[in-house]
PDB file of all heavy atoms in Angstrom:
ATOM      1  N   THR A   1      -0.656   9.996  14.587  1.00  0.00           N
ATOM      2  CA  THR A   1      -0.597  10.413  13.178  1.00  0.00           C
ATOM      3  C   THR A   1       0.714   9.981  12.540  1.00  0.00           C
ATOM      4  O   THR A   1       0.739   9.469  11.414  1.00  0.00           O
ATOM      5  CB  THR A   1      -0.765  11.940  13.082  1.00  0.00           C
ATOM      6  OG1 THR A   1      -2.017  12.317  13.651  1.00  0.00           O
ATOM      7  CG2 THR A   1      -0.717  12.400  11.631  1.00  0.00           C
ATOM      8  N   ILE A   2       1.812  10.185  13.257  1.00  0.00           N
ATOM      9  CA  ILE A   2       3.131   9.806  12.718  1.00  0.00           C
ATOM     10  C   ILE A   2       3.209   8.289  12.535  1.00  0.00           C
ATOM     11  O   ILE A   2       3.715   7.793  11.509  1.00  0.00           O
ATOM     12  CB  ILE A   2       4.249  10.298  13.668  1.00  0.00           C
ATOM     13  CG1 ILE A   2       4.311  11.831  13.650  1.00  0.00           C
ATOM     14  CG2 ILE A   2       5.595   9.701  13.264  1.00  0.00           C
ATOM     15  CD1 ILE A   2       5.243  12.411  14.696  1.00  0.00           C
ATOM     16  N   ILE A   3       2.704   7.549  13.530  1.00  0.00           N
ATOM     17  CA  ILE A   3       2.742   6.076  13.440  1.00  0.00           C
ATOM     18  C   ILE A   3       1.967   5.593  12.214  1.00  0.00           C
ATOM     19  O   ILE A   3       2.451   4.763  11.429  1.00  0.00           O
ATOM     20  CB  ILE A   3       2.171   5.451  14.730  1.00  0.00           C
ATOM     21  CG1 ILE A   3       3.125   5.702  15.904  1.00  0.00           C
ATOM     22  CG2 ILE A   3       1.919   3.956  14.548  1.00  0.00           C
ATOM     23  CD1 ILE A   3       2.552   5.326  17.253  1.00  0.00           C
ATOM     24  N   PHE A   4       0.739   6.104  12.037  1.00  0.00           N
ATOM     25  CA  PHE A   4      -0.072   5.662  10.908  1.00  0.00           C
ATOM     26  C   PHE A   4       0.488   6.182   9.583  1.00  0.00           C
ATOM     27  O   PHE A   4       0.344   5.526   8.547  1.00  0.00           O
ATOM     28  CB  PHE A   4      -1.523   6.115  11.087  1.00  0.00           C
ATOM     29  CG  PHE A   4      -2.259   5.331  12.135  1.00  0.00           C
ATOM     30  CD1 PHE A   4      -2.859   5.962  13.214  1.00  0.00           C
ATOM     31  CD2 PHE A   4      -2.345   3.953  12.059  1.00  0.00           C
ATOM     32  CE1 PHE A   4      -3.536   5.237  14.177  1.00  0.00           C
ATOM     33  CE2 PHE A   4      -3.020   3.216  13.027  1.00  0.00           C
ATOM     34  CZ  PHE A   4      -3.617   3.861  14.090  1.00  0.00           C
ATOM     35  N   LEU A   5       1.131   7.338   9.609  1.00  0.00           N
ATOM     36  CA  LEU A   5       1.756   7.860   8.392  1.00  0.00           C
ATOM     37  C   LEU A   5       2.865   6.917   7.931  1.00  0.00           C
ATOM     38  O   LEU A   5       2.958   6.577   6.737  1.00  0.00           O
ATOM     39  CB  LEU A   5       2.316   9.259   8.666  1.00  0.00           C
ATOM     40  CG  LEU A   5       3.009   9.966   7.488  1.00  0.00           C
ATOM     41  CD1 LEU A   5       2.025  10.185   6.341  1.00  0.00           C
ATOM     42  CD2 LEU A   5       3.601  11.295   7.935  1.00  0.00           C
ATOM     43  N   LEU A   6       3.695   6.486   8.878  1.00  0.00           N
ATOM     44  CA  LEU A   6       4.769   5.546   8.528  1.00  0.00           C
ATOM     45  C   LEU A   6       4.189   4.213   8.056  1.00  0.00           C
ATOM     46  O   LEU A   6       4.728   3.590   7.122  1.00  0.00           O
ATOM     47  CB  LEU A   6       5.681   5.325   9.741  1.00  0.00           C
ATOM     48  CG  LEU A   6       6.490   6.552  10.207  1.00  0.00           C
ATOM     49  CD1 LEU A   6       7.248   6.240  11.477  1.00  0.00           C
ATOM     50  CD2 LEU A   6       7.454   6.992   9.103  1.00  0.00           C
ATOM     51  N   SER A   7       3.088   3.797   8.687  1.00  0.00           N
ATOM     52  CA  SER A   7       2.468   2.522   8.300  1.00  0.00           C
ATOM     53  C   SER A   7       1.935   2.591   6.875  1.00  0.00           C
ATOM     54  O   SER A   7       2.122   1.657   6.071  1.00  0.00           O
ATOM     55  CB  SER A   7       1.327   2.176   9.263  1.00  0.00           C
ATOM     56  OG  SER A   7       1.801   2.053  10.580  1.00  0.00           O
ATOM     57  N   VAL A   8       1.278   3.693   6.539  1.00  0.00           N
ATOM     58  CA  VAL A   8       0.685   3.828   5.207  1.00  0.00           C
ATOM     59  C   VAL A   8       1.762   3.938   4.137  1.00  0.00           C
ATOM     60  O   VAL A   8       1.636   3.377   3.040  1.00  0.00           O
ATOM     61  CB  VAL A   8      -0.257   5.054   5.170  1.00  0.00           C
ATOM     62  CG1 VAL A   8      -0.689   5.362   3.746  1.00  0.00           C
ATOM     63  CG2 VAL A   8      -1.479   4.808   6.054  1.00  0.00           C
ATOM     64  N   VAL A   9       2.856   4.647   4.450  1.00  0.00           N
ATOM     65  CA  VAL A   9       3.939   4.814   3.470  1.00  0.00           C
ATOM     66  C   VAL A   9       4.536   3.457   3.082  1.00  0.00           C
ATOM     67  O   VAL A   9       4.972   3.257   1.938  1.00  0.00           O
ATOM     68  CB  VAL A   9       5.030   5.749   4.046  1.00  0.00           C
ATOM     69  CG1 VAL A   9       6.299   5.690   3.203  1.00  0.00           C
ATOM     70  CG2 VAL A   9       4.507   7.177   4.114  1.00  0.00           C
ATOM     71  N   THR A  10       4.539   2.517   4.018  1.00  0.00           N
ATOM     72  CA  THR A  10       5.132   1.202   3.727  1.00  0.00           C
ATOM     73  C   THR A  10       4.196   0.287   2.953  1.00  0.00           C
ATOM     74  O   THR A  10       4.619  -0.787   2.495  1.00  0.00           O
ATOM     75  CB  THR A  10       5.525   0.496   5.042  1.00  0.00           C
ATOM     76  OG1 THR A  10       4.346   0.303   5.832  1.00  0.00           O
ATOM     77  CG2 THR A  10       6.542   1.316   5.819  1.00  0.00           C
ATOM     78  N   LEU A  11       2.933   0.684   2.782  1.00  0.00           N
ATOM     79  CA  LEU A  11       1.985  -0.201   2.102  1.00  0.00           C
ATOM     80  C   LEU A  11       2.304  -0.346   0.614  1.00  0.00           C
ATOM     81  O   LEU A  11       2.116  -1.420   0.037  1.00  0.00           O
ATOM     82  CB  LEU A  11       0.561   0.323   2.282  1.00  0.00           C
ATOM     83  CG  LEU A  11      -0.020   0.197   3.694  1.00  0.00           C
ATOM     84  CD1 LEU A  11      -1.427   0.775   3.733  1.00  0.00           C
ATOM     85  CD2 LEU A  11      -0.042  -1.265   4.135  1.00  0.00           C
ATOM     86  N   GLN A  12       2.733   0.740  -0.037  1.00  0.00           N
ATOM     87  CA  GLN A  12       3.032   0.662  -1.471  1.00  0.00           C
ATOM     88  C   GLN A  12       4.164  -0.325  -1.759  1.00  0.00           C
ATOM     89  O   GLN A  12       4.024  -1.183  -2.643  1.00  0.00           O
ATOM     90  CB  GLN A  12       3.365   2.054  -2.003  1.00  0.00           C
ATOM     91  CG  GLN A  12       3.712   2.110  -3.492  1.00  0.00           C
ATOM     92  CD  GLN A  12       2.523   1.737  -4.376  1.00  0.00           C
ATOM     93  OE1 GLN A  12       1.404   1.596  -3.892  1.00  0.00           O
ATOM     94  NE2 GLN A  12       2.772   1.568  -5.657  1.00  0.00           N
ATOM     95  N   PRO A  13       5.298  -0.267  -1.032  1.00  0.00           N
ATOM     96  CA  PRO A  13       6.328  -1.296  -1.256  1.00  0.00           C
ATOM     97  C   PRO A  13       5.807  -2.707  -1.011  1.00  0.00           C
ATOM     98  O   PRO A  13       6.174  -3.650  -1.718  1.00  0.00           O
ATOM     99  CB  PRO A  13       7.422  -0.918  -0.231  1.00  0.00           C
ATOM    100  CG  PRO A  13       7.233   0.545  -0.012  1.00  0.00           C
ATOM    101  CD  PRO A  13       5.760   0.780  -0.112  1.00  0.00           C
ATOM    102  N   MET A  14       4.918  -2.865   0.012  1.00  0.00           N
ATOM    103  CA  MET A  14       4.344  -4.185   0.278  1.00  0.00           C
ATOM    104  C   MET A  14       3.492  -4.653  -0.896  1.00  0.00           C
ATOM    105  O   MET A  14       3.527  -5.833  -1.282  1.00  0.00           O
ATOM    106  CB  MET A  14       3.481  -4.143   1.549  1.00  0.00           C
ATOM    107  CG  MET A  14       4.281  -4.025   2.836  1.00  0.00           C
ATOM    108  SD  MET A  14       3.196  -3.842   4.268  1.00  0.00           S
ATOM    109  CE  MET A  14       2.229  -5.341   4.124  1.00  0.00           C
ATOM    110  N   ALA A  15       2.721  -3.723  -1.486  1.00  0.00           N
ATOM    111  CA  ALA A  15       1.869  -4.088  -2.617  1.00  0.00           C
ATOM    112  C   ALA A  15       2.711  -4.495  -3.823  1.00  0.00           C
ATOM    113  O   ALA A  15       2.386  -5.439  -4.546  1.00  0.00           O
ATOM    114  CB  ALA A  15       0.956  -2.923  -2.971  1.00  0.00           C
ATOM    115  N   ILE A  16       3.798  -3.757  -4.050  1.00  0.00           N
ATOM    116  CA  ILE A  16       4.682  -4.089  -5.179  1.00  0.00           C
ATOM    117  C   ILE A  16       5.304  -5.472  -4.966  1.00  0.00           C
ATOM    118  O   ILE A  16       5.391  -6.293  -5.888  1.00  0.00           O
ATOM    119  CB  ILE A  16       5.771  -3.014  -5.329  1.00  0.00           C
ATOM    120  CG1 ILE A  16       5.129  -1.679  -5.722  1.00  0.00           C
ATOM    121  CG2 ILE A  16       6.823  -3.448  -6.341  1.00  0.00           C
ATOM    122  CD1 ILE A  16       6.102  -0.528  -5.754  1.00  0.00           C
ATOM    123  N   PHE A  17       5.711  -5.733  -3.708  1.00  0.00           N
ATOM    124  CA  PHE A  17       6.302  -7.024  -3.399  1.00  0.00           C
ATOM    125  C   PHE A  17       5.291  -8.155  -3.620  1.00  0.00           C
ATOM    126  O   PHE A  17       5.635  -9.249  -4.075  1.00  0.00           O
ATOM    127  CB  PHE A  17       6.785  -7.038  -1.944  1.00  0.00           C
ATOM    128  CG  PHE A  17       7.334  -8.359  -1.501  1.00  0.00           C
ATOM    129  CD1 PHE A  17       8.621  -8.751  -1.860  1.00  0.00           C
ATOM    130  CD2 PHE A  17       6.562  -9.233  -0.736  1.00  0.00           C
ATOM    131  CE1 PHE A  17       9.113  -9.976  -1.461  1.00  0.00           C
ATOM    132  CE2 PHE A  17       7.055 -10.458  -0.338  1.00  0.00           C
ATOM    133  CZ  PHE A  17       8.351 -10.833  -0.693  1.00  0.00           C
ATOM    134  N   ALA A  18       3.984  -7.842  -3.315  1.00  0.00           N
ATOM    135  CA  ALA A  18       2.940  -8.854  -3.493  1.00  0.00           C
ATOM    136  C   ALA A  18       2.438  -8.919  -4.924  1.00  0.00           C
ATOM    137  O   ALA A  18       1.527  -9.691  -5.235  1.00  0.00           O
ATOM    138  CB  ALA A  18       1.773  -8.576  -2.555  1.00  0.00           C
ATOM    139  N   LYS A  19       2.994  -8.060  -5.821  1.00  0.00           N
ATOM    140  CA  LYS A  19       2.613  -8.008  -7.225  1.00  0.00           C
ATOM    141  C   LYS A  19       1.114  -7.688  -7.386  1.00  0.00           C
ATOM    142  O   LYS A  19       0.392  -8.352  -8.105  1.00  0.00           O
ATOM    143  CB  LYS A  19       2.950  -9.327  -7.933  1.00  0.00           C
ATOM    144  CG  LYS A  19       4.442  -9.610  -7.971  1.00  0.00           C
ATOM    145  CD  LYS A  19       4.717 -10.897  -8.700  1.00  0.00           C
ATOM    146  CE  LYS A  19       6.196 -11.104  -8.910  1.00  0.00           C
ATOM    147  NZ  LYS A  19       6.996 -11.091  -7.682  1.00  0.00           N
ATOM    148  N   GLY A  20       0.671  -6.672  -6.679  1.00  0.00           N
ATOM    149  CA  GLY A  20      -0.713  -6.223  -6.795  1.00  0.00           C
ATOM    150  C   GLY A  20      -0.796  -4.738  -6.548  1.00  0.00           C
ATOM    151  O   GLY A  20       0.144  -4.111  -6.075  1.00  0.00           O
ATOM    152  N   TYR A  21      -1.913  -4.156  -6.947  1.00  0.00           N
ATOM    153  CA  TYR A  21      -2.151  -2.728  -6.744  1.00  0.00           C
ATOM    154  C   TYR A  21      -3.383  -2.553  -5.864  1.00  0.00           C
ATOM    155  O   TYR A  21      -4.458  -3.045  -6.185  1.00  0.00           O
ATOM    156  CB  TYR A  21      -2.380  -2.022  -8.094  1.00  0.00           C
ATOM    157  CG  TYR A  21      -1.145  -1.987  -8.961  1.00  0.00           C
ATOM    158  CD1 TYR A  21      -0.965  -2.944  -9.962  1.00  0.00           C
ATOM    159  CD2 TYR A  21      -0.184  -1.013  -8.768  1.00  0.00           C
ATOM    160  CE1 TYR A  21       0.163  -2.926 -10.767  1.00  0.00           C
ATOM    161  CE2 TYR A  21       0.954  -0.986  -9.572  1.00  0.00           C
ATOM    162  CZ  TYR A  21       1.121  -1.942 -10.562  1.00  0.00           C
ATOM    163  OH  TYR A  21       2.233  -1.911 -11.347  1.00  0.00           O
ATOM    164  N   GLN A  22      -3.206  -1.862  -4.788  1.00  0.00           N
ATOM    165  CA  GLN A  22      -4.359  -1.644  -3.945  1.00  0.00           C
ATOM    166  C   GLN A  22      -5.246  -0.569  -4.542  1.00  0.00           C
ATOM    167  O   GLN A  22      -4.784   0.411  -5.087  1.00  0.00           O
ATOM    168  CB  GLN A  22      -3.965  -1.290  -2.510  1.00  0.00           C
ATOM    169  CG  GLN A  22      -3.044  -0.143  -2.292  1.00  0.00           C
ATOM    170  CD  GLN A  22      -1.587  -0.404  -2.433  1.00  0.00           C
ATOM    171  OE1 GLN A  22      -1.152  -1.041  -3.377  1.00  0.00           O
ATOM    172  NE2 GLN A  22      -0.827   0.154  -1.521  1.00  0.00           N
ATOM    173  N   GLY A  23      -6.527  -0.837  -4.476  1.00  0.00           N
ATOM    174  CA  GLY A  23      -7.485   0.177  -4.886  1.00  0.00           C
ATOM    175  C   GLY A  23      -7.848   0.169  -6.341  1.00  0.00           C
ATOM    176  O   GLY A  23      -8.704   0.923  -6.763  1.00  0.00           O
ATOM    177  N   ALA A  24      -7.257  -0.624  -7.202  1.00  0.00           N
ATOM    178  CA  ALA A  24      -7.614  -0.617  -8.619  1.00  0.00           C
ATOM    179  C   ALA A  24      -9.031  -1.131  -8.793  1.00  0.00           C
ATOM    180  O   ALA A  24      -9.444  -2.083  -8.150  1.00  0.00           O
ATOM    181  CB  ALA A  24      -6.648  -1.495  -9.400  1.00  0.00           C
ATOM    182  N   ALA A  25      -9.766  -0.476  -9.637  1.00  0.00           N
ATOM    183  CA  ALA A  25     -11.145  -0.913  -9.877  1.00  0.00           C
ATOM    184  C   ALA A  25     -11.124  -2.322 -10.442  1.00  0.00           C
ATOM    185  O   ALA A  25     -10.228  -2.700 -11.189  1.00  0.00           O
ATOM    186  CB  ALA A  25     -11.822   0.047 -10.850  1.00  0.00           C
ATOM    187  N   PRO A  26     -12.082  -3.173 -10.119  1.00  0.00           N
ATOM    188  CA  PRO A  26     -12.070  -4.583 -10.514  1.00  0.00           C
ATOM    189  C   PRO A  26     -11.946  -4.798 -12.013  1.00  0.00           C
ATOM    190  O   PRO A  26     -11.340  -5.758 -12.452  1.00  0.00           O
ATOM    191  CB  PRO A  26     -13.417  -5.098  -9.991  1.00  0.00           C
ATOM    192  CG  PRO A  26     -13.805  -4.149  -8.897  1.00  0.00           C
ATOM    193  CD  PRO A  26     -13.247  -2.834  -9.303  1.00  0.00           C
ATOM    194  N   ASP A  27     -12.509  -3.891 -12.788  1.00  0.00           N
ATOM    195  CA  ASP A  27     -12.511  -4.114 -14.227  1.00  0.00           C
ATOM    196  C   ASP A  27     -11.394  -3.382 -14.938  1.00  0.00           C
ATOM    197  O   ASP A  27     -11.285  -3.425 -16.147  1.00  0.00           O
ATOM    198  CB  ASP A  27     -13.864  -3.684 -14.812  1.00  0.00           C
ATOM    199  CG  ASP A  27     -14.199  -2.242 -14.450  1.00  0.00           C
ATOM    200  OD1 ASP A  27     -13.541  -1.698 -13.531  1.00  0.00           O
ATOM    201  OD2 ASP A  27     -15.107  -1.674 -15.085  1.00  0.00           O
TER     202      ASP A  27
END
């Protein structure tokens, strides 16, 4: 749980770095 918690927390900075938003509806 701790490992995956740390992994998920880092996804938002990765998305910002990639200039995209995960999960936004296509339209």
